[in-house]
C-alpha cells in the first residue's frame, strides 16, 4: 500500500473540506440535532461530502461520523479503510471558540496508519503516515489552499512544515484535558498528578486537535478516560504514532486498536517522559 499517495489524497481532501468549513464558520451555517441529541451542522455535512469525493478515488471504503458505518465483520475484512470525522468539536464550532478540527484517518489491520488533523481557526495542520514522519504546518486557510494547487502537494507542504515534536520539553508538567468531556475519573487523576507534580498546569481545550498538540510536545500528557468513537481518535493516533509517541489505553501500556465491534476506544493516553 502506497501511504504517500494516500496521504496526498487525504491532505488535498482535508484542505478542501477545511476551506468550506471555514467559509461557513465565518458566513453562517444551519444546525440540527441528531438522534443521540448531539448537534450537527451544514458544515459537518459539507465537509463529509468533500472528503468523500476526494477519497473515493482511492477505492477504499469510507466510514464517517456523518456517513456509512459498515458492520464489524465488514470492517475486519477490509485491508484498509478511511475513518473520518468531518468536524470534531461541533459544539466548539457552534459556540465559535475556534477549537474544532477536520479528522481524516486511515485504519489498516486494526491500527491507525495515516492521519490528517486540521484546525482552520487555529491555523494548525498536522499530517503523517506509515513511512512518513508527522509534520506540522502553521498557515492560514488561504495559504493552504494556494499550496494545494502545487503540482506536488506533499513537497510543497514539506517546505513550509516542521517535524514533530517542535516544542522543547515543558518545565512544568502540563496536562491537556477536554472542555466538554471531562469526567470524575479525570478530576481524580489530576488530583493524583498534583501530588507528584505540585506545579501541575492543566490546559482545557476542545476537539481532537489536542492529539496533534500532544504529539508536538505542547503538553506533557493527554489522558482521556471516557470512551470515544473510532473517528474521534484515528487521525490523531496516527499523528502521535508517527511523531514517535505510543497511544495507549488510559489505564494500561497497550497500544489502542480498532477491533471493537461498536467502534469505540475505551480511553487513551499519550505522554512525554523525556
C-alpha atoms as a PDB file:
ATOM      1  CA  UNK A   1       0.000   0.000   0.000  1.00  0.00           C
ATOM      2  CA  UNK A   2       1.430   3.364  -1.050  1.00  0.00           C
ATOM      3  CA  UNK A   3       0.886   5.541   2.003  1.00  0.00           C
ATOM      4  CA  UNK A   4       2.455   8.632   0.409  1.00  0.00           C
ATOM      5  CA  UNK A   5      -0.158   8.559  -2.372  1.00  0.00           C
ATOM      6  CA  UNK A   6      -2.933   8.008   0.142  1.00  0.00           C
ATOM      7  CA  UNK A   7      -1.598  10.826   2.320  1.00  0.00           C
ATOM      8  CA  UNK A   8      -1.627  13.153  -0.682  1.00  0.00           C
ATOM      9  CA  UNK A   9      -5.320  12.382  -1.286  1.00  0.00           C
ATOM     10  CA  UNK A  10      -6.080  12.860   2.393  1.00  0.00           C
ATOM     11  CA  UNK A  11      -4.229  16.171   2.569  1.00  0.00           C
ATOM     12  CA  UNK A  12      -5.966  17.572  -0.509  1.00  0.00           C
ATOM     13  CA  UNK A  13      -9.393  16.488   0.708  1.00  0.00           C
ATOM     14  CA  UNK A  14      -8.836  17.858   4.196  1.00  0.00           C
ATOM     15  CA  UNK A  15      -7.640  21.233   2.927  1.00  0.00           C
ATOM     16  CA  UNK A  16     -10.649  21.473   0.625  1.00  0.00           C
ATOM     17  CA  UNK A  17     -13.049  20.486   3.402  1.00  0.00           C
ATOM     18  CA  UNK A  18     -11.381  22.965   5.743  1.00  0.00           C
ATOM     19  CA  UNK A  19     -11.884  25.772   3.242  1.00  0.00           C
ATOM     20  CA  UNK A  20     -15.644  25.154   3.151  1.00  0.00           C
ATOM     21  CA  UNK A  21     -15.916  24.670   6.914  1.00  0.00           C
ATOM     22  CA  UNK A  22     -14.074  27.941   7.448  1.00  0.00           C
ATOM     23  CA  UNK A  23     -16.375  29.736   4.981  1.00  0.00           C
ATOM     24  CA  UNK A  24     -19.469  28.581   6.850  1.00  0.00           C
ATOM     25  CA  UNK A  25     -17.872  29.382  10.210  1.00  0.00           C
ATOM     26  CA  UNK A  26     -17.497  32.995   9.094  1.00  0.00           C
ATOM     27  CA  UNK A  27     -20.606  33.404   6.926  1.00  0.00           C
ATOM     28  CA  UNK A  28     -23.184  31.229   8.672  1.00  0.00           C
ATOM     29  CA  UNK A  29     -24.415  27.647   8.927  1.00  0.00           C
ATOM     30  CA  UNK A  30     -27.507  25.635   9.773  1.00  0.00           C
ATOM     31  CA  UNK A  31     -27.732  23.485  12.906  1.00  0.00           C
ATOM     32  CA  UNK A  32     -29.877  20.474  13.749  1.00  0.00           C
ATOM     33  CA  UNK A  33     -29.958  17.800  16.449  1.00  0.00           C
ATOM     34  CA  UNK A  34     -29.177  14.152  15.731  1.00  0.00           C
ATOM     35  CA  UNK A  35     -30.973  11.154  17.258  1.00  0.00           C
ATOM     36  CA  UNK A  36     -28.394  10.972  20.046  1.00  0.00           C
ATOM     37  CA  UNK A  37     -29.126  14.631  20.920  1.00  0.00           C
ATOM     38  CA  UNK A  38     -25.741  15.816  19.687  1.00  0.00           C
ATOM     39  CA  UNK A  39     -25.605  18.814  17.347  1.00  0.00           C
ATOM     40  CA  UNK A  40     -24.637  18.652  13.686  1.00  0.00           C
ATOM     41  CA  UNK A  41     -24.298  21.492  11.198  1.00  0.00           C
ATOM     42  CA  UNK A  42     -24.432  22.068   7.484  1.00  0.00           C
ATOM     43  CA  UNK A  43     -20.647  22.438   7.659  1.00  0.00           C
ATOM     44  CA  UNK A  44     -20.317  18.863   9.017  1.00  0.00           C
ATOM     45  CA  UNK A  45     -22.287  17.511   6.054  1.00  0.00           C
ATOM     46  CA  UNK A  46     -20.416  19.663   3.544  1.00  0.00           C
ATOM     47  CA  UNK A  47     -17.048  18.501   4.884  1.00  0.00           C
ATOM     48  CA  UNK A  48     -18.207  14.881   4.736  1.00  0.00           C
ATOM     49  CA  UNK A  49     -19.216  15.263   1.095  1.00  0.00           C
ATOM     50  CA  UNK A  50     -15.945  16.950   0.108  1.00  0.00           C
ATOM     51  CA  UNK A  51     -13.772  14.393   1.897  1.00  0.00           C
ATOM     52  CA  UNK A  52     -15.756  11.504   0.428  1.00  0.00           C
ATOM     53  CA  UNK A  53     -15.420  12.922  -3.077  1.00  0.00           C
ATOM     54  CA  UNK A  54     -11.640  13.233  -2.775  1.00  0.00           C
ATOM     55  CA  UNK A  55     -11.088   9.862  -1.078  1.00  0.00           C
ATOM     56  CA  UNK A  56     -13.392   7.829  -3.290  1.00  0.00           C
ATOM     57  CA  UNK A  57     -10.620   7.817  -5.911  1.00  0.00           C
ATOM     58  CA  UNK A  58      -8.587   5.521  -3.625  1.00  0.00           C
ATOM     59  CA  UNK A  59     -11.251   2.785  -3.916  1.00  0.00           C
ATOM     60  CA  UNK A  60     -11.014   2.179  -0.181  1.00  0.00           C
ATOM     61  CA  UNK A  61     -14.168   2.036   1.982  1.00  0.00           C
ATOM     62  CA  UNK A  62     -15.069   5.272   3.734  1.00  0.00           C
ATOM     63  CA  UNK A  63     -16.526   5.385   7.238  1.00  0.00           C
ATOM     64  CA  UNK A  64     -17.613   8.767   8.564  1.00  0.00           C
ATOM     65  CA  UNK A  65     -19.478  10.073  11.574  1.00  0.00           C
ATOM     66  CA  UNK A  66     -21.921  11.568   9.092  1.00  0.00           C
ATOM     67  CA  UNK A  67     -21.991   8.617   6.683  1.00  0.00           C
ATOM     68  CA  UNK A  68     -21.985   4.844   6.310  1.00  0.00           C
ATOM     69  CA  UNK A  69     -20.577   2.768   9.180  1.00  0.00           C
ATOM     70  CA  UNK A  70     -20.318  -0.860   7.880  1.00  0.00           C
ATOM     71  CA  UNK A  71     -20.622  -3.890  10.158  1.00  0.00           C
ATOM     72  CA  UNK A  72     -17.836  -5.270  12.353  1.00  0.00           C
ATOM     73  CA  UNK A  73     -17.478  -8.253  10.025  1.00  0.00           C
ATOM     74  CA  UNK A  74     -17.147  -5.974   7.003  1.00  0.00           C
ATOM     75  CA  UNK A  75     -14.572  -3.761   8.704  1.00  0.00           C
ATOM     76  CA  UNK A  76     -12.493  -6.773   9.680  1.00  0.00           C
ATOM     77  CA  UNK A  77     -12.486  -7.970   6.070  1.00  0.00           C
ATOM     78  CA  UNK A  78     -11.158  -4.674   4.689  1.00  0.00           C
ATOM     79  CA  UNK A  79      -7.420  -4.381   4.029  1.00  0.00           C
ATOM     80  CA  UNK A  80      -7.757  -0.695   4.938  1.00  0.00           C
ATOM     81  CA  UNK A  81     -10.492   1.900   5.265  1.00  0.00           C
ATOM     82  CA  UNK A  82     -10.852   5.615   5.825  1.00  0.00           C
ATOM     83  CA  UNK A  83     -12.159   6.851   9.175  1.00  0.00           C
ATOM     84  CA  UNK A  84     -13.470  10.416   9.093  1.00  0.00           C
ATOM     85  CA  UNK A  85     -14.809  12.988  11.488  1.00  0.00           C
ATOM     86  CA  UNK A  86     -15.788  15.877   9.203  1.00  0.00           C
ATOM     87  CA  UNK A  87     -15.844  18.238  12.183  1.00  0.00           C
ATOM     88  CA  UNK A  88     -14.641  17.132  15.593  1.00  0.00           C
ATOM     89  CA  UNK A  89     -15.734  19.699  18.154  1.00  0.00           C
ATOM     90  CA  UNK A  90     -19.062  20.660  16.622  1.00  0.00           C
ATOM     91  CA  UNK A  91     -20.121  22.327  19.875  1.00  0.00           C
ATOM     92  CA  UNK A  92     -16.984  24.475  19.739  1.00  0.00           C
ATOM     93  CA  UNK A  93     -17.729  25.248  16.102  1.00  0.00           C
ATOM     94  CA  UNK A  94     -21.245  26.384  17.024  1.00  0.00           C
ATOM     95  CA  UNK A  95     -20.004  28.352  20.058  1.00  0.00           C
ATOM     96  CA  UNK A  96     -17.258  29.993  17.966  1.00  0.00           C
ATOM     97  CA  UNK A  97     -14.372  29.031  20.251  1.00  0.00           C
ATOM     98  CA  UNK A  98     -12.212  28.173  17.240  1.00  0.00           C
ATOM     99  CA  UNK A  99     -11.356  24.772  18.739  1.00  0.00           C
ATOM    100  CA  UNK A 100     -12.706  22.418  16.085  1.00  0.00           C
ATOM    101  CA  UNK A 101     -10.927  20.299  13.503  1.00  0.00           C
ATOM    102  CA  UNK A 102     -11.320  18.039  10.497  1.00  0.00           C
ATOM    103  CA  UNK A 103     -10.058  14.496  11.185  1.00  0.00           C
ATOM    104  CA  UNK A 104      -9.008  12.241   8.310  1.00  0.00           C
ATOM    105  CA  UNK A 105      -7.655   8.867   9.381  1.00  0.00           C
ATOM    106  CA  UNK A 106      -6.822   5.551   7.745  1.00  0.00           C
ATOM    107  CA  UNK A 107      -7.118   2.234   9.576  1.00  0.00           C
ATOM    108  CA  UNK A 108      -5.464  -0.986   8.411  1.00  0.00           C
ATOM    109  CA  UNK A 109      -5.489  -4.268  10.336  1.00  0.00           C
ATOM    110  CA  UNK A 110      -6.928  -2.606  13.424  1.00  0.00           C
ATOM    111  CA  UNK A 111      -4.363   0.147  13.783  1.00  0.00           C
ATOM    112  CA  UNK A 112      -4.048   3.750  12.584  1.00  0.00           C
ATOM    113  CA  UNK A 113      -1.765   4.096   9.552  1.00  0.00           C
ATOM    114  CA  UNK A 114      -2.349   7.679   8.397  1.00  0.00           C
ATOM    115  CA  UNK A 115      -3.715  10.879   9.857  1.00  0.00           C
ATOM    116  CA  UNK A 116      -4.502  14.474   8.982  1.00  0.00           C
ATOM    117  CA  UNK A 117      -5.775  16.953  11.582  1.00  0.00           C
ATOM    118  CA  UNK A 118      -6.762  20.444  10.503  1.00  0.00           C
ATOM    119  CA  UNK A 119      -7.980  23.271  12.746  1.00  0.00           C
ATOM    120  CA  UNK A 120      -8.679  26.179  10.334  1.00  0.00           C
ATOM    121  CA  UNK A 121      -9.403  28.737  13.060  1.00  0.00           C
ATOM    122  CA  UNK A 122      -6.096  27.929  14.793  1.00  0.00           C
ATOM    123  CA  UNK A 123      -4.032  27.809  11.572  1.00  0.00           C
ATOM    124  CA  UNK A 124      -2.842  24.318  12.566  1.00  0.00           C
ATOM    125  CA  UNK A 125      -2.400  21.466  10.099  1.00  0.00           C
ATOM    126  CA  UNK A 126      -0.854  18.108  11.101  1.00  0.00           C
ATOM    127  CA  UNK A 127      -0.149  15.197   8.762  1.00  0.00           C
ATOM    128  CA  UNK A 128       1.695  11.876   8.940  1.00  0.00           C
ATOM    129  CA  UNK A 129       1.551   8.260   7.838  1.00  0.00           C
ATOM    130  CA  UNK A 130       3.343   4.925   7.834  1.00  0.00           C
ATOM    131  CA  UNK A 131       6.803   5.665   6.446  1.00  0.00           C
ATOM    132  CA  UNK A 132       6.179   9.427   6.599  1.00  0.00           C
ATOM    133  CA  UNK A 133       7.069  11.154   9.883  1.00  0.00           C
ATOM    134  CA  UNK A 134       4.443  13.508  11.293  1.00  0.00           C
ATOM    135  CA  UNK A 135       4.759  17.178  10.463  1.00  0.00           C
ATOM    136  CA  UNK A 136       3.053  20.455  11.320  1.00  0.00           C
ATOM    137  CA  UNK A 137       2.399  23.482   9.196  1.00  0.00           C
ATOM    138  CA  UNK A 138       1.102  26.750  10.608  1.00  0.00           C
ATOM    139  CA  UNK A 139      -0.696  28.562   7.817  1.00  0.00           C
ATOM    140  CA  UNK A 140      -3.922  30.384   7.057  1.00  0.00           C
ATOM    141  CA  UNK A 141      -6.728  28.757   5.101  1.00  0.00           C
ATOM    142  CA  UNK A 142      -5.802  30.866   2.087  1.00  0.00           C
ATOM    143  CA  UNK A 143      -2.139  29.817   2.284  1.00  0.00           C
ATOM    144  CA  UNK A 144      -3.011  26.135   2.458  1.00  0.00           C
ATOM    145  CA  UNK A 145      -5.456  26.405  -0.441  1.00  0.00           C
ATOM    146  CA  UNK A 146      -2.683  28.000  -2.505  1.00  0.00           C
ATOM    147  CA  UNK A 147      -0.239  25.225  -1.549  1.00  0.00           C
ATOM    148  CA  UNK A 148      -2.816  22.600  -2.530  1.00  0.00           C
ATOM    149  CA  UNK A 149      -2.649  23.886  -6.106  1.00  0.00           C
ATOM    150  CA  UNK A 150       1.040  22.992  -6.371  1.00  0.00           C
ATOM    151  CA  UNK A 151       1.908  20.048  -8.624  1.00  0.00           C
ATOM    152  CA  UNK A 152       3.388  18.079  -5.720  1.00  0.00           C
ATOM    153  CA  UNK A 153       1.317  18.953  -2.661  1.00  0.00           C
ATOM    154  CA  UNK A 154       3.409  16.951  -0.160  1.00  0.00           C
ATOM    155  CA  UNK A 155       6.632  18.529  -1.361  1.00  0.00           C
ATOM    156  CA  UNK A 156       5.056  21.981  -1.147  1.00  0.00           C
ATOM    157  CA  UNK A 157       3.860  21.315   2.403  1.00  0.00           C
ATOM    158  CA  UNK A 158       7.202  19.876   3.453  1.00  0.00           C
ATOM    159  CA  UNK A 159       8.945  23.128   2.580  1.00  0.00           C
ATOM    160  CA  UNK A 160       6.620  25.034   4.908  1.00  0.00           C
ATOM    161  CA  UNK A 161       6.371  22.474   7.692  1.00  0.00           C
ATOM    162  CA  UNK A 162       8.368  21.214  10.665  1.00  0.00           C
ATOM    163  CA  UNK A 163       8.760  17.710  12.056  1.00  0.00           C
ATOM    164  CA  UNK A 164       7.039  16.785  15.291  1.00  0.00           C
ATOM    165  CA  UNK A 165       7.811  17.430  18.039  1.00  0.00           C
ATOM    166  CA  UNK A 166       8.723  21.081  17.568  1.00  0.00           C
ATOM    167  CA  UNK A 167       8.336  22.218  21.195  1.00  0.00           C
ATOM    168  CA  UNK A 168      11.069  21.837  23.804  1.00  0.00           C
ATOM    169  CA  UNK A 169      10.276  19.770  26.921  1.00  0.00           C
ATOM    170  CA  UNK A 170       7.985  21.593  29.326  1.00  0.00           C
ATOM    171  CA  UNK A 171       9.441  22.962  32.558  1.00  0.00           C
ATOM    172  CA  UNK A 172       6.122  22.338  34.293  1.00  0.00           C
ATOM    173  CA  UNK A 173       4.209  19.079  33.959  1.00  0.00           C
ATOM    174  CA  UNK A 174       1.366  20.115  31.652  1.00  0.00           C
ATOM    175  CA  UNK A 175      -1.837  18.111  31.342  1.00  0.00           C
ATOM    176  CA  UNK A 176      -4.281  18.507  28.460  1.00  0.00           C
ATOM    177  CA  UNK A 177      -7.962  17.833  29.106  1.00  0.00           C
ATOM    178  CA  UNK A 178     -11.279  18.186  27.337  1.00  0.00           C
ATOM    179  CA  UNK A 179     -13.655  21.092  27.739  1.00  0.00           C
ATOM    180  CA  UNK A 180     -16.921  19.187  27.243  1.00  0.00           C
ATOM    181  CA  UNK A 181     -15.916  15.611  28.144  1.00  0.00           C
ATOM    182  CA  UNK A 182     -14.129  15.911  31.474  1.00  0.00           C
ATOM    183  CA  UNK A 183     -15.336  13.301  33.938  1.00  0.00           C
ATOM    184  CA  UNK A 184     -14.853  12.431  37.601  1.00  0.00           C
ATOM    185  CA  UNK A 185     -12.103   9.988  36.685  1.00  0.00           C
ATOM    186  CA  UNK A 186     -10.135  12.795  35.055  1.00  0.00           C
ATOM    187  CA  UNK A 187     -10.614  15.060  38.071  1.00  0.00           C
ATOM    188  CA  UNK A 188      -9.348  12.306  40.385  1.00  0.00           C
ATOM    189  CA  UNK A 189      -6.386  11.637  38.097  1.00  0.00           C
ATOM    190  CA  UNK A 190      -5.462  15.336  38.087  1.00  0.00           C
ATOM    191  CA  UNK A 191      -5.507  15.367  41.906  1.00  0.00           C
ATOM    192  CA  UNK A 192      -3.124  12.400  41.934  1.00  0.00           C
ATOM    193  CA  UNK A 193      -0.834  14.091  39.394  1.00  0.00           C
ATOM    194  CA  UNK A 194      -0.680  17.188  41.590  1.00  0.00           C
ATOM    195  CA  UNK A 195       0.733  15.095  44.434  1.00  0.00           C
ATOM    196  CA  UNK A 196       3.645  14.145  42.189  1.00  0.00           C
ATOM    197  CA  UNK A 197       3.827  17.494  40.363  1.00  0.00           C
ATOM    198  CA  UNK A 198       2.763  20.332  42.718  1.00  0.00           C
ATOM    199  CA  UNK A 199       3.198  22.923  39.965  1.00  0.00           C
ATOM    200  CA  UNK A 200       0.974  20.956  37.562  1.00  0.00           C
ATOM    201  CA  UNK A 201      -0.525  23.069  34.794  1.00  0.00           C
ATOM    202  CA  UNK A 202      -3.901  21.979  33.387  1.00  0.00           C
ATOM    203  CA  UNK A 203      -4.855  23.179  29.900  1.00  0.00           C
ATOM    204  CA  UNK A 204      -8.503  22.778  28.840  1.00  0.00           C
ATOM    205  CA  UNK A 205      -9.258  22.595  25.135  1.00  0.00           C
ATOM    206  CA  UNK A 206     -11.904  21.270  22.773  1.00  0.00           C
ATOM    207  CA  UNK A 207     -11.647  18.783  19.882  1.00  0.00           C
ATOM    208  CA  UNK A 208      -9.118  16.240  18.656  1.00  0.00           C
ATOM    209  CA  UNK A 209      -6.534  18.886  17.776  1.00  0.00           C
ATOM    210  CA  UNK A 210      -5.232  18.040  21.266  1.00  0.00           C
ATOM    211  CA  UNK A 211      -3.774  14.881  19.731  1.00  0.00           C
ATOM    212  CA  UNK A 212      -1.695  16.973  17.359  1.00  0.00           C
ATOM    213  CA  UNK A 213      -0.645  19.292  20.163  1.00  0.00           C
ATOM    214  CA  UNK A 214       0.455  16.465  22.447  1.00  0.00           C
ATOM    215  CA  UNK A 215       2.360  14.852  19.565  1.00  0.00           C
ATOM    216  CA  UNK A 216       4.077  18.232  19.139  1.00  0.00           C
ATOM    217  CA  UNK A 217       5.028  18.220  22.862  1.00  0.00           C
ATOM    218  CA  UNK A 218       2.873  21.293  23.536  1.00  0.00           C
ATOM    219  CA  UNK A 219       1.975  19.446  26.750  1.00  0.00           C
ATOM    220  CA  UNK A 220       3.458  16.620  28.786  1.00  0.00           C
ATOM    221  CA  UNK A 221       0.405  14.382  28.878  1.00  0.00           C
ATOM    222  CA  UNK A 222      -3.045  13.973  27.432  1.00  0.00           C
ATOM    223  CA  UNK A 223      -5.162  11.240  29.010  1.00  0.00           C
ATOM    224  CA  UNK A 224      -8.846  10.684  28.448  1.00  0.00           C
ATOM    225  CA  UNK A 225     -10.845   8.127  30.424  1.00  0.00           C
ATOM    226  CA  UNK A 226     -14.211   8.371  28.665  1.00  0.00           C
ATOM    227  CA  UNK A 227     -14.787   6.172  25.584  1.00  0.00           C
ATOM    228  CA  UNK A 228     -14.569   7.752  22.138  1.00  0.00           C
ATOM    229  CA  UNK A 229     -15.653   6.680  18.667  1.00  0.00           C
ATOM    230  CA  UNK A 230     -13.045   5.485  16.170  1.00  0.00           C
ATOM    231  CA  UNK A 231     -13.484   8.646  14.097  1.00  0.00           C
ATOM    232  CA  UNK A 232     -12.618  10.813  17.106  1.00  0.00           C
ATOM    233  CA  UNK A 233      -9.162   9.328  17.597  1.00  0.00           C
ATOM    234  CA  UNK A 234      -7.892   7.504  14.469  1.00  0.00           C
ATOM    235  CA  UNK A 235      -6.312  10.521  12.756  1.00  0.00           C
ATOM    236  CA  UNK A 236      -4.732  11.821  15.955  1.00  0.00           C
ATOM    237  CA  UNK A 237      -3.472   8.356  16.838  1.00  0.00           C
ATOM    238  CA  UNK A 238      -1.542   8.240  13.563  1.00  0.00           C
ATOM    239  CA  UNK A 239      -0.125  11.738  14.076  1.00  0.00           C
ATOM    240  CA  UNK A 240       1.143  10.814  17.547  1.00  0.00           C
ATOM    241  CA  UNK A 241       2.443   7.403  16.441  1.00  0.00           C
ATOM    242  CA  UNK A 242       4.483   8.819  13.580  1.00  0.00           C
ATOM    243  CA  UNK A 243       5.835  11.519  15.860  1.00  0.00           C
ATOM    244  CA  UNK A 244       7.310   8.733  17.971  1.00  0.00           C
ATOM    245  CA  UNK A 245       4.648   8.568  20.667  1.00  0.00           C
ATOM    246  CA  UNK A 246       2.744   5.483  21.769  1.00  0.00           C
ATOM    247  CA  UNK A 247      -1.024   5.933  22.214  1.00  0.00           C
ATOM    248  CA  UNK A 248      -2.004   3.512  24.961  1.00  0.00           C
ATOM    249  CA  UNK A 249      -5.107   2.721  26.932  1.00  0.00           C
ATOM    250  CA  UNK A 250      -5.859   5.169  29.734  1.00  0.00           C
ATOM    251  CA  UNK A 251      -5.096   2.553  32.373  1.00  0.00           C
ATOM    252  CA  UNK A 252      -2.520   0.320  30.663  1.00  0.00           C
ATOM    253  CA  UNK A 253       0.562   0.345  28.421  1.00  0.00           C
ATOM    254  CA  UNK A 254      -1.065  -1.468  25.490  1.00  0.00           C
ATOM    255  CA  UNK A 255      -1.438   0.480  22.250  1.00  0.00           C
ATOM    256  CA  UNK A 256      -5.064   1.180  21.391  1.00  0.00           C
ATOM    257  CA  UNK A 257      -6.596  -0.689  18.465  1.00  0.00           C
ATOM    258  CA  UNK A 258      -9.710  -0.659  16.309  1.00  0.00           C
ATOM    259  CA  UNK A 259     -11.132  -4.130  16.893  1.00  0.00           C
ATOM    260  CA  UNK A 260     -14.148  -3.126  18.997  1.00  0.00           C
ATOM    261  CA  UNK A 261     -17.464  -4.232  17.483  1.00  0.00           C
ATOM    262  CA  UNK A 262     -19.117  -0.946  18.421  1.00  0.00           C
ATOM    263  CA  UNK A 263     -16.291   1.217  17.052  1.00  0.00           C
ATOM    264  CA  UNK A 264     -15.306   2.530  20.472  1.00  0.00           C
ATOM    265  CA  UNK A 265     -11.898   3.115  22.040  1.00  0.00           C
ATOM    266  CA  UNK A 266     -12.275   2.942  25.814  1.00  0.00           C
ATOM    267  CA  UNK A 267      -9.965   5.773  26.800  1.00  0.00           C
ATOM    268  CA  UNK A 268      -6.420   6.563  25.742  1.00  0.00           C
ATOM    269  CA  UNK A 269      -3.234   8.292  26.850  1.00  0.00           C
ATOM    270  CA  UNK A 270      -0.198   9.977  25.275  1.00  0.00           C
ATOM    271  CA  UNK A 271       2.752  11.024  27.451  1.00  0.00           C
ATOM    272  CA  UNK A 272       6.199  12.594  27.191  1.00  0.00           C
ATOM    273  CA  UNK A 273       8.718  11.369  29.744  1.00  0.00           C
ATOM    274  CA  UNK A 274      11.866  12.909  28.226  1.00  0.00           C
END
